[in-house]
Amino acid sequence: MRWRIDLRYDGTAFHGWARQEGLRTVQGALEEALRTVLRVAEPPVITCAGRTDTGVHARGQVAHVDLDSPVTGRDLLRRLNGVLPEDVSVTAVTEAPEGFDARFSALARRYVYRLCDDPAGWDPLRRTEVLRVVRPLDVDRMNTAAHQLLGEHDFAAFCKKREGASTVRALLEFSWARVSPGLLEGTVVADAFCHSMVRALVGSMIPVGDGRRDVDWPAGVLAGKVRDSAVSVLPPHGLTLEEVRYPADDELAARALQARQVRGEVHQRG
């Protein structure tokens, strides 16, 4: 049976999602927890919707796992949270609908990057999830620049290129809001992301927001289709995967097939 697992984690002490020999990862922690509670020799393999990088957090990560063991979702939820470390929490375990694939069935991923541009608004208790910047930022200028990047484009200028992997993505939303004095949130939604794409996109907004670059500059970088050394890839700790969006149950299998055909085995990373 295929199970859908919803989870959240503080990425500070993890070397990203993907299992790596000798390193602490979210996938490794979750698979080891499954091995423990199911009392099996080898841990089941888990597939996630978005392979977050080292230091990136998640509040709305989704994964799936195929199990032969006779368990219930409620029992699995309770038992997993009983053995997982405190920086990971499973919020739901449900029987996956037919055709569900946590990665390929997804329509979009929503990330939020948080910035503080006012020393008076800095909250030390949130230092592991908010990036402090030194100059005040103009949200209107950042929104004007971000709007020019929407749509389907080759985002090679904002991605770390991988051999044989497409850098064409559909950017569905990119917007900025000041949610409290000194605190800005940048929301980025796309069908999928290349490696470091979100942090590079956000990095291109800061020099626009503080007036060092014109509002048309990020669009010019995008059109160039090559990495620009002037674009900073921001630190990972300000980034959180907030949500993964899926179609209706009867469209899950078709969406998964479409995603595989369009990009093949492309890493969905922020």
C-alpha atoms as a PDB file:
ATOM      1  CA  MET A   1       0.000   0.000   0.000  1.00  0.00           C
ATOM      2  CA  ARG A   2       1.192   3.508  -0.786  1.00  0.00           C
ATOM      3  CA  TRP A   3       1.060   5.998   2.079  1.00  0.00           C
ATOM      4  CA  ARG A   4       1.196   9.792   1.870  1.00  0.00           C
ATOM      5  CA  ILE A   5       3.272  11.355   4.636  1.00  0.00           C
ATOM      6  CA  ASP A   6       2.970  15.074   5.457  1.00  0.00           C
ATOM      7  CA  LEU A   7       5.794  16.475   7.536  1.00  0.00           C
ATOM      8  CA  ARG A   8       7.647  19.557   8.685  1.00  0.00           C
ATOM      9  CA  TYR A   9      11.219  20.053   9.815  1.00  0.00           C
ATOM     10  CA  ASP A  10      13.801  22.562  10.948  1.00  0.00           C
ATOM     11  CA  GLY A  11      16.545  22.170   8.372  1.00  0.00           C
ATOM     12  CA  THR A  12      19.274  23.819  10.456  1.00  0.00           C
ATOM     13  CA  ALA A  13      21.060  20.624  11.485  1.00  0.00           C
ATOM     14  CA  PHE A  14      20.295  18.607   8.333  1.00  0.00           C
ATOM     15  CA  HIS A  15      22.385  18.235   5.193  1.00  0.00           C
ATOM     16  CA  GLY A  16      19.261  18.618   3.096  1.00  0.00           C
ATOM     17  CA  TRP A  17      16.577  16.089   2.304  1.00  0.00           C
ATOM     18  CA  ALA A  18      18.399  13.482   0.227  1.00  0.00           C
ATOM     19  CA  ARG A  19      20.082  10.546   1.920  1.00  0.00           C
ATOM     20  CA  GLN A  20      23.897  10.872   1.972  1.00  0.00           C
ATOM     21  CA  GLU A  21      26.345   8.408   3.425  1.00  0.00           C
ATOM     22  CA  GLY A  22      27.707   9.597   6.736  1.00  0.00           C
ATOM     23  CA  LEU A  23      25.589  12.765   6.850  1.00  0.00           C
ATOM     24  CA  ARG A  24      22.419  13.596   8.763  1.00  0.00           C
ATOM     25  CA  THR A  25      19.547  14.129   6.317  1.00  0.00           C
ATOM     26  CA  VAL A  26      15.770  14.330   6.592  1.00  0.00           C
ATOM     27  CA  GLN A  27      15.239  11.354   4.309  1.00  0.00           C
ATOM     28  CA  GLY A  28      17.734   9.329   6.308  1.00  0.00           C
ATOM     29  CA  ALA A  29      16.071  10.219   9.616  1.00  0.00           C
ATOM     30  CA  LEU A  30      12.586   9.389   8.347  1.00  0.00           C
ATOM     31  CA  GLU A  31      13.615   6.124   6.697  1.00  0.00           C
ATOM     32  CA  GLU A  32      15.470   5.044   9.828  1.00  0.00           C
ATOM     33  CA  ALA A  33      12.382   5.871  11.907  1.00  0.00           C
ATOM     34  CA  LEU A  34      10.279   3.711   9.590  1.00  0.00           C
ATOM     35  CA  ARG A  35      12.773   0.864   9.855  1.00  0.00           C
ATOM     36  CA  THR A  36      12.572   1.089  13.633  1.00  0.00           C
ATOM     37  CA  VAL A  37       8.798   1.182  14.015  1.00  0.00           C
ATOM     38  CA  LEU A  38       8.188  -1.492  11.374  1.00  0.00           C
ATOM     39  CA  ARG A  39      10.999  -3.694  12.707  1.00  0.00           C
ATOM     40  CA  VAL A  40      12.431  -4.452   9.278  1.00  0.00           C
ATOM     41  CA  ALA A  41      16.044  -5.104   8.307  1.00  0.00           C
ATOM     42  CA  GLU A  42      16.220  -2.511   5.540  1.00  0.00           C
ATOM     43  CA  PRO A  43      14.533   0.907   5.690  1.00  0.00           C
ATOM     44  CA  PRO A  44      11.762   1.554   3.136  1.00  0.00           C
ATOM     45  CA  VAL A  45      12.645   4.121   0.472  1.00  0.00           C
ATOM     46  CA  ILE A  46      10.769   7.420   0.714  1.00  0.00           C
ATOM     47  CA  THR A  47      10.069   9.801  -2.176  1.00  0.00           C
ATOM     48  CA  CYS A  48       9.435  13.481  -1.445  1.00  0.00           C
ATOM     49  CA  ALA A  49       7.845  16.347  -3.359  1.00  0.00           C
ATOM     50  CA  GLY A  50      10.746  18.775  -3.012  1.00  0.00           C
ATOM     51  CA  ARG A  51      14.345  17.823  -2.244  1.00  0.00           C
ATOM     52  CA  THR A  52      15.283  20.719   0.001  1.00  0.00           C
ATOM     53  CA  ASP A  53      18.927  21.741   0.256  1.00  0.00           C
ATOM     54  CA  THR A  54      21.137  21.869   3.325  1.00  0.00           C
ATOM     55  CA  GLY A  55      19.687  24.268   5.897  1.00  0.00           C
ATOM     56  CA  VAL A  56      16.328  24.778   4.143  1.00  0.00           C
ATOM     57  CA  HIS A  57      13.231  24.253   6.287  1.00  0.00           C
ATOM     58  CA  ALA A  58       9.836  22.747   5.462  1.00  0.00           C
ATOM     59  CA  ARG A  59       6.412  23.336   6.908  1.00  0.00           C
ATOM     60  CA  GLY A  60       4.503  21.564   4.135  1.00  0.00           C
ATOM     61  CA  GLN A  61       6.714  18.783   2.795  1.00  0.00           C
ATOM     62  CA  VAL A  62       4.956  15.754   1.289  1.00  0.00           C
ATOM     63  CA  ALA A  63       6.388  12.283   0.749  1.00  0.00           C
ATOM     64  CA  HIS A  64       5.188   8.795  -0.102  1.00  0.00           C
ATOM     65  CA  VAL A  65       6.302   5.314   0.837  1.00  0.00           C
ATOM     66  CA  ASP A  66       5.164   1.844  -0.251  1.00  0.00           C
ATOM     67  CA  LEU A  67       4.714  -0.612   2.622  1.00  0.00           C
ATOM     68  CA  ASP A  68       3.710  -4.245   2.893  1.00  0.00           C
ATOM     69  CA  SER A  69       3.279  -4.057   6.661  1.00  0.00           C
ATOM     70  CA  PRO A  70      -0.295  -4.147   8.037  1.00  0.00           C
ATOM     71  CA  VAL A  71      -0.452  -0.729   9.725  1.00  0.00           C
ATOM     72  CA  THR A  72      -2.940   2.109   9.985  1.00  0.00           C
ATOM     73  CA  GLY A  73      -2.158   5.726   9.209  1.00  0.00           C
ATOM     74  CA  ARG A  74      -3.019   6.822  12.718  1.00  0.00           C
ATOM     75  CA  ASP A  75      -0.777   4.218  14.296  1.00  0.00           C
ATOM     76  CA  LEU A  76       2.086   4.987  11.922  1.00  0.00           C
ATOM     77  CA  LEU A  77       1.800   8.705  12.700  1.00  0.00           C
ATOM     78  CA  ARG A  78       1.965   8.072  16.451  1.00  0.00           C
ATOM     79  CA  ARG A  79       4.822   5.625  16.258  1.00  0.00           C
ATOM     80  CA  LEU A  80       6.946   7.716  13.892  1.00  0.00           C
ATOM     81  CA  ASN A  81       6.669  10.815  16.047  1.00  0.00           C
ATOM     82  CA  GLY A  82       7.658   8.690  19.012  1.00  0.00           C
ATOM     83  CA  VAL A  83      11.094   7.931  17.527  1.00  0.00           C
ATOM     84  CA  LEU A  84      11.849  10.878  15.225  1.00  0.00           C
ATOM     85  CA  PRO A  85      14.228  13.600  16.449  1.00  0.00           C
ATOM     86  CA  GLU A  86      12.678  16.821  17.735  1.00  0.00           C
ATOM     87  CA  ASP A  87      13.520  18.795  14.571  1.00  0.00           C
ATOM     88  CA  VAL A  88      11.232  16.594  12.434  1.00  0.00           C
ATOM     89  CA  SER A  89       7.484  16.084  12.878  1.00  0.00           C
ATOM     90  CA  VAL A  90       5.011  14.019  10.872  1.00  0.00           C
ATOM     91  CA  THR A  91       1.671  15.839  10.711  1.00  0.00           C
ATOM     92  CA  ALA A  92      -0.397  13.280   8.762  1.00  0.00           C
ATOM     93  CA  VAL A  93      -0.176   9.752   7.368  1.00  0.00           C
ATOM     94  CA  THR A  94      -2.950   8.823   4.953  1.00  0.00           C
ATOM     95  CA  GLU A  95      -3.614   6.140   2.384  1.00  0.00           C
ATOM     96  CA  ALA A  96      -2.540   7.624  -0.936  1.00  0.00           C
ATOM     97  CA  PRO A  97      -5.153   7.870  -3.696  1.00  0.00           C
ATOM     98  CA  GLU A  98      -4.601   5.747  -6.791  1.00  0.00           C
ATOM     99  CA  GLY A  99      -1.952   7.251  -9.051  1.00  0.00           C
ATOM    100  CA  PHE A 100      -0.442   9.460  -6.348  1.00  0.00           C
ATOM    101  CA  ASP A 101       3.264  10.231  -6.577  1.00  0.00           C
ATOM    102  CA  ALA A 102       4.514  12.798  -4.082  1.00  0.00           C
ATOM    103  CA  ARG A 103       7.002  14.189  -6.570  1.00  0.00           C
ATOM    104  CA  PHE A 104       5.554  13.831 -10.040  1.00  0.00           C
ATOM    105  CA  SER A 105       1.871  14.328  -9.205  1.00  0.00           C
ATOM    106  CA  ALA A 106       2.555  17.775  -7.734  1.00  0.00           C
ATOM    107  CA  LEU A 107       1.257  20.787  -9.636  1.00  0.00           C
ATOM    108  CA  ALA A 108       3.345  23.351  -7.765  1.00  0.00           C
ATOM    109  CA  ARG A 109       5.578  24.012  -4.788  1.00  0.00           C
ATOM    110  CA  ARG A 110       5.265  27.168  -2.673  1.00  0.00           C
ATOM    111  CA  TYR A 111       8.326  28.505  -0.904  1.00  0.00           C
ATOM    112  CA  VAL A 112       8.630  31.582   1.311  1.00  0.00           C
ATOM    113  CA  TYR A 113      11.871  33.470   1.938  1.00  0.00           C
ATOM    114  CA  ARG A 114      11.916  35.754   4.999  1.00  0.00           C
ATOM    115  CA  LEU A 115      14.046  38.888   5.311  1.00  0.00           C
ATOM    116  CA  CYS A 116      14.540  41.465   8.055  1.00  0.00           C
ATOM    117  CA  ASP A 117      15.638  44.929   6.885  1.00  0.00           C
ATOM    118  CA  ASP A 118      15.295  46.883  10.138  1.00  0.00           C
ATOM    119  CA  PRO A 119      17.502  46.319  13.208  1.00  0.00           C
ATOM    120  CA  ALA A 120      14.605  47.388  15.440  1.00  0.00           C
ATOM    121  CA  GLY A 121      12.473  44.602  13.986  1.00  0.00           C
ATOM    122  CA  TRP A 122      15.062  41.840  14.339  1.00  0.00           C
ATOM    123  CA  ASP A 123      13.851  38.915  16.424  1.00  0.00           C
ATOM    124  CA  PRO A 124      16.750  36.784  17.708  1.00  0.00           C
ATOM    125  CA  LEU A 125      14.308  33.938  18.379  1.00  0.00           C
ATOM    126  CA  ARG A 126      13.741  33.641  14.621  1.00  0.00           C
ATOM    127  CA  ARG A 127      17.373  33.889  13.573  1.00  0.00           C
ATOM    128  CA  THR A 128      17.348  30.365  12.110  1.00  0.00           C
ATOM    129  CA  GLU A 129      14.531  31.190   9.656  1.00  0.00           C
ATOM    130  CA  VAL A 130      15.006  34.880   8.788  1.00  0.00           C
ATOM    131  CA  LEU A 131      17.907  36.523   6.937  1.00  0.00           C
ATOM    132  CA  ARG A 132      19.004  39.931   8.183  1.00  0.00           C
ATOM    133  CA  VAL A 133      19.954  42.484   5.476  1.00  0.00           C
ATOM    134  CA  VAL A 134      21.746  45.769   6.058  1.00  0.00           C
ATOM    135  CA  ARG A 135      19.741  48.189   3.905  1.00  0.00           C
ATOM    136  CA  PRO A 136      16.008  49.065   3.918  1.00  0.00           C
ATOM    137  CA  LEU A 137      14.083  47.418   1.080  1.00  0.00           C
ATOM    138  CA  ASP A 138      11.380  48.894  -1.143  1.00  0.00           C
ATOM    139  CA  VAL A 139       8.660  46.250  -1.522  1.00  0.00           C
ATOM    140  CA  ASP A 140       7.008  48.005  -4.488  1.00  0.00           C
ATOM    141  CA  ARG A 141      10.243  47.967  -6.498  1.00  0.00           C
ATOM    142  CA  MET A 142      10.782  44.299  -5.655  1.00  0.00           C
ATOM    143  CA  ASN A 143       7.254  43.392  -6.760  1.00  0.00           C
ATOM    144  CA  THR A 144       7.701  45.257 -10.043  1.00  0.00           C
ATOM    145  CA  ALA A 145      10.909  43.348 -10.737  1.00  0.00           C
ATOM    146  CA  ALA A 146       9.476  40.003  -9.634  1.00  0.00           C
ATOM    147  CA  HIS A 147       6.398  40.365 -11.847  1.00  0.00           C
ATOM    148  CA  GLN A 148       8.632  40.518 -14.942  1.00  0.00           C
ATOM    149  CA  LEU A 149       9.940  37.008 -14.248  1.00  0.00           C
ATOM    150  CA  LEU A 150       6.555  35.258 -14.209  1.00  0.00           C
ATOM    151  CA  GLY A 151       5.691  32.633 -16.804  1.00  0.00           C
ATOM    152  CA  GLU A 152       7.516  29.730 -18.407  1.00  0.00           C
ATOM    153  CA  HIS A 153      11.152  30.523 -19.123  1.00  0.00           C
ATOM    154  CA  ASP A 154      14.583  29.007 -19.231  1.00  0.00           C
ATOM    155  CA  PHE A 155      15.834  29.883 -15.733  1.00  0.00           C
ATOM    156  CA  ALA A 156      19.433  28.829 -16.448  1.00  0.00           C
ATOM    157  CA  ALA A 157      20.618  32.241 -15.179  1.00  0.00           C
ATOM    158  CA  PHE A 158      19.213  31.408 -11.737  1.00  0.00           C
ATOM    159  CA  CYS A 159      20.058  27.694 -11.520  1.00  0.00           C
ATOM    160  CA  LYS A 160      23.044  25.546 -10.829  1.00  0.00           C
ATOM    161  CA  LYS A 161      23.218  23.628 -14.093  1.00  0.00           C
ATOM    162  CA  ARG A 162      23.108  19.825 -13.964  1.00  0.00           C
ATOM    163  CA  GLU A 163      24.186  17.637 -16.840  1.00  0.00           C
ATOM    164  CA  GLY A 164      21.175  16.551 -18.902  1.00  0.00           C
ATOM    165  CA  ALA A 165      18.656  18.422 -16.720  1.00  0.00           C
ATOM    166  CA  SER A 166      16.265  21.010 -18.120  1.00  0.00           C
ATOM    167  CA  THR A 167      16.227  24.498 -16.606  1.00  0.00           C
ATOM    168  CA  VAL A 168      12.848  25.419 -18.113  1.00  0.00           C
ATOM    169  CA  ARG A 169      10.305  26.134 -15.386  1.00  0.00           C
ATOM    170  CA  ALA A 170       6.915  27.817 -15.048  1.00  0.00           C
ATOM    171  CA  LEU A 171       7.092  30.549 -12.392  1.00  0.00           C
ATOM    172  CA  LEU A 172       3.478  30.929 -11.263  1.00  0.00           C
ATOM    173  CA  GLU A 173       3.862  33.485  -8.478  1.00  0.00           C
ATOM    174  CA  PHE A 174       6.640  35.723  -7.211  1.00  0.00           C
ATOM    175  CA  SER A 175       5.527  38.419  -4.801  1.00  0.00           C
ATOM    176  CA  TRP A 176       6.674  40.391  -1.783  1.00  0.00           C
ATOM    177  CA  ALA A 177       4.836  41.624   1.291  1.00  0.00           C
ATOM    178  CA  ARG A 178       5.863  43.427   4.456  1.00  0.00           C
ATOM    179  CA  VAL A 179       4.127  41.369   7.127  1.00  0.00           C
ATOM    180  CA  SER A 180       5.346  43.347  10.155  1.00  0.00           C
ATOM    181  CA  PRO A 181       7.803  46.198  10.836  1.00  0.00           C
ATOM    182  CA  GLY A 182      11.147  45.080   9.454  1.00  0.00           C
ATOM    183  CA  LEU A 183       9.927  41.674   8.227  1.00  0.00           C
ATOM    184  CA  LEU A 184       9.407  40.849   4.544  1.00  0.00           C
ATOM    185  CA  GLU A 185       8.178  37.620   3.016  1.00  0.00           C
ATOM    186  CA  GLY A 186       8.893  36.654  -0.565  1.00  0.00           C
ATOM    187  CA  THR A 187       6.511  34.009  -1.924  1.00  0.00           C
ATOM    188  CA  VAL A 188       7.746  31.922  -4.845  1.00  0.00           C
ATOM    189  CA  VAL A 189       5.504  29.355  -6.551  1.00  0.00           C
ATOM    190  CA  ALA A 190       6.477  27.231  -9.546  1.00  0.00           C
ATOM    191  CA  ASP A 191       5.652  23.881 -11.080  1.00  0.00           C
ATOM    192  CA  ALA A 192       9.140  22.802 -10.012  1.00  0.00           C
ATOM    193  CA  PHE A 193      12.512  24.324  -9.178  1.00  0.00           C
ATOM    194  CA  CYS A 194      16.093  23.817 -10.274  1.00  0.00           C
ATOM    195  CA  HIS A 195      18.917  23.549  -7.778  1.00  0.00           C
ATOM    196  CA  SER A 196      19.343  26.881  -5.892  1.00  0.00           C
ATOM    197  CA  MET A 197      16.738  28.599  -8.093  1.00  0.00           C
ATOM    198  CA  VAL A 198      14.613  30.076  -5.305  1.00  0.00           C
ATOM    199  CA  ARG A 199      17.552  31.499  -3.390  1.00  0.00           C
ATOM    200  CA  ALA A 200      19.020  33.009  -6.562  1.00  0.00           C
ATOM    201  CA  LEU A 201      15.699  34.576  -7.568  1.00  0.00           C
ATOM    202  CA  VAL A 202      15.335  36.129  -4.124  1.00  0.00           C
ATOM    203  CA  GLY A 203      18.972  37.190  -4.223  1.00  0.00           C
ATOM    204  CA  SER A 204      18.320  39.181  -7.402  1.00  0.00           C
ATOM    205  CA  MET A 205      15.596  41.143  -5.619  1.00  0.00           C
ATOM    206  CA  ILE A 206      17.704  42.594  -2.801  1.00  0.00           C
ATOM    207  CA  PRO A 207      19.807  44.984  -4.934  1.00  0.00           C
ATOM    208  CA  VAL A 208      16.566  46.108  -6.600  1.00  0.00           C
ATOM    209  CA  GLY A 209      14.875  46.659  -3.268  1.00  0.00           C
ATOM    210  CA  ASP A 210      17.738  48.693  -1.814  1.00  0.00           C
ATOM    211  CA  GLY A 211      18.149  50.770  -4.975  1.00  0.00           C
ATOM    212  CA  ARG A 212      21.503  49.478  -6.212  1.00  0.00           C
ATOM    213  CA  ARG A 213      19.940  47.945  -9.334  1.00  0.00           C
ATOM    214  CA  ASP A 214      17.184  48.997 -11.686  1.00  0.00           C
ATOM    215  CA  VAL A 215      13.847  47.144 -11.513  1.00  0.00           C
ATOM    216  CA  ASP A 216      14.488  45.703 -15.005  1.00  0.00           C
ATOM    217  CA  TRP A 217      17.808  44.155 -14.039  1.00  0.00           C
ATOM    218  CA  PRO A 218      16.541  40.680 -12.953  1.00  0.00           C
ATOM    219  CA  ALA A 219      14.593  40.326 -16.226  1.00  0.00           C
ATOM    220  CA  GLY A 220      17.770  41.146 -18.110  1.00  0.00           C
ATOM    221  CA  VAL A 221      19.654  38.486 -16.178  1.00  0.00           C
ATOM    222  CA  LEU A 222      16.904  35.972 -17.002  1.00  0.00           C
ATOM    223  CA  ALA A 223      17.117  36.800 -20.728  1.00  0.00           C
ATOM    224  CA  GLY A 224      20.871  36.181 -20.683  1.00  0.00           C
ATOM    225  CA  LYS A 225      20.355  32.487 -19.746  1.00  0.00           C
ATOM    226  CA  VAL A 226      23.771  32.289 -18.072  1.00  0.00           C
ATOM    227  CA  ARG A 227      24.775  32.613 -14.428  1.00  0.00           C
ATOM    228  CA  ASP A 228      25.528  36.201 -13.463  1.00  0.00           C
ATOM    229  CA  SER A 229      28.097  36.646 -10.709  1.00  0.00           C
ATOM    230  CA  ALA A 230      26.192  39.745  -9.560  1.00  0.00           C
ATOM    231  CA  VAL A 231      23.272  37.534  -8.462  1.00  0.00           C
ATOM    232  CA  SER A 232      23.767  36.317  -4.917  1.00  0.00           C
ATOM    233  CA  VAL A 233      22.483  32.879  -3.957  1.00  0.00           C
ATOM    234  CA  LEU A 234      21.142  33.681  -0.506  1.00  0.00           C
ATOM    235  CA  PRO A 235      21.800  31.535   2.578  1.00  0.00           C
ATOM    236  CA  PRO A 236      19.433  28.583   2.979  1.00  0.00           C
ATOM    237  CA  HIS A 237      18.116  29.317   6.470  1.00  0.00           C
ATOM    238  CA  GLY A 238      15.706  32.033   5.296  1.00  0.00           C
ATOM    239  CA  LEU A 239      13.879  29.594   3.012  1.00  0.00           C
ATOM    240  CA  THR A 240      10.925  27.372   3.913  1.00  0.00           C
ATOM    241  CA  LEU A 241       8.918  24.966   1.775  1.00  0.00           C
ATOM    242  CA  GLU A 242       5.406  25.944   2.849  1.00  0.00           C
ATOM    243  CA  GLU A 243       3.109  23.946   0.582  1.00  0.00           C
ATOM    244  CA  VAL A 244       2.906  21.350  -2.182  1.00  0.00           C
ATOM    245  CA  ARG A 245      -0.167  21.547  -4.409  1.00  0.00           C
ATOM    246  CA  TYR A 246      -1.794  18.539  -6.088  1.00  0.00           C
ATOM    247  CA  PRO A 247      -4.664  18.114  -8.558  1.00  0.00           C
ATOM    248  CA  ALA A 248      -7.906  16.281  -7.839  1.00  0.00           C
ATOM    249  CA  ASP A 249      -7.511  12.571  -7.092  1.00  0.00           C
ATOM    250  CA  ASP A 250      -8.733  11.494 -10.520  1.00  0.00           C
ATOM    251  CA  GLU A 251      -6.035  13.633 -12.173  1.00  0.00           C
ATOM    252  CA  LEU A 252      -3.046  12.457 -10.122  1.00  0.00           C
ATOM    253  CA  ALA A 253      -1.847   9.698 -12.448  1.00  0.00           C
ATOM    254  CA  ALA A 254      -2.149  11.873 -15.560  1.00  0.00           C
ATOM    255  CA  ARG A 255      -0.219  14.673 -13.891  1.00  0.00           C
ATOM    256  CA  ALA A 256       2.552  12.289 -12.859  1.00  0.00           C
ATOM    257  CA  LEU A 257       2.839  10.962 -16.409  1.00  0.00           C
ATOM    258  CA  GLN A 258       2.927  14.475 -17.837  1.00  0.00           C
ATOM    259  CA  ALA A 259       5.645  15.605 -15.397  1.00  0.00           C
ATOM    260  CA  ARG A 260       7.838  12.612 -16.252  1.00  0.00           C
ATOM    261  CA  GLN A 261       7.504  13.235 -19.980  1.00  0.00           C
ATOM    262  CA  VAL A 262       8.289  16.929 -19.748  1.00  0.00           C
ATOM    263  CA  ARG A 263      11.396  16.775 -17.577  1.00  0.00           C
ATOM    264  CA  GLY A 264      12.392  13.185 -17.002  1.00  0.00           C
ATOM    265  CA  GLU A 265      14.348  12.620 -13.824  1.00  0.00           C
ATOM    266  CA  VAL A 266      14.920  16.268 -12.879  1.00  0.00           C
ATOM    267  CA  HIS A 267      15.624  17.120  -9.232  1.00  0.00           C
ATOM    268  CA  GLN A 268      12.823  19.227  -7.728  1.00  0.00           C
ATOM    269  CA  ARG A 269      14.914  21.381  -5.441  1.00  0.00           C
ATOM    270  CA  GLY A 270      14.681  24.841  -3.933  1.00  0.00           C
END
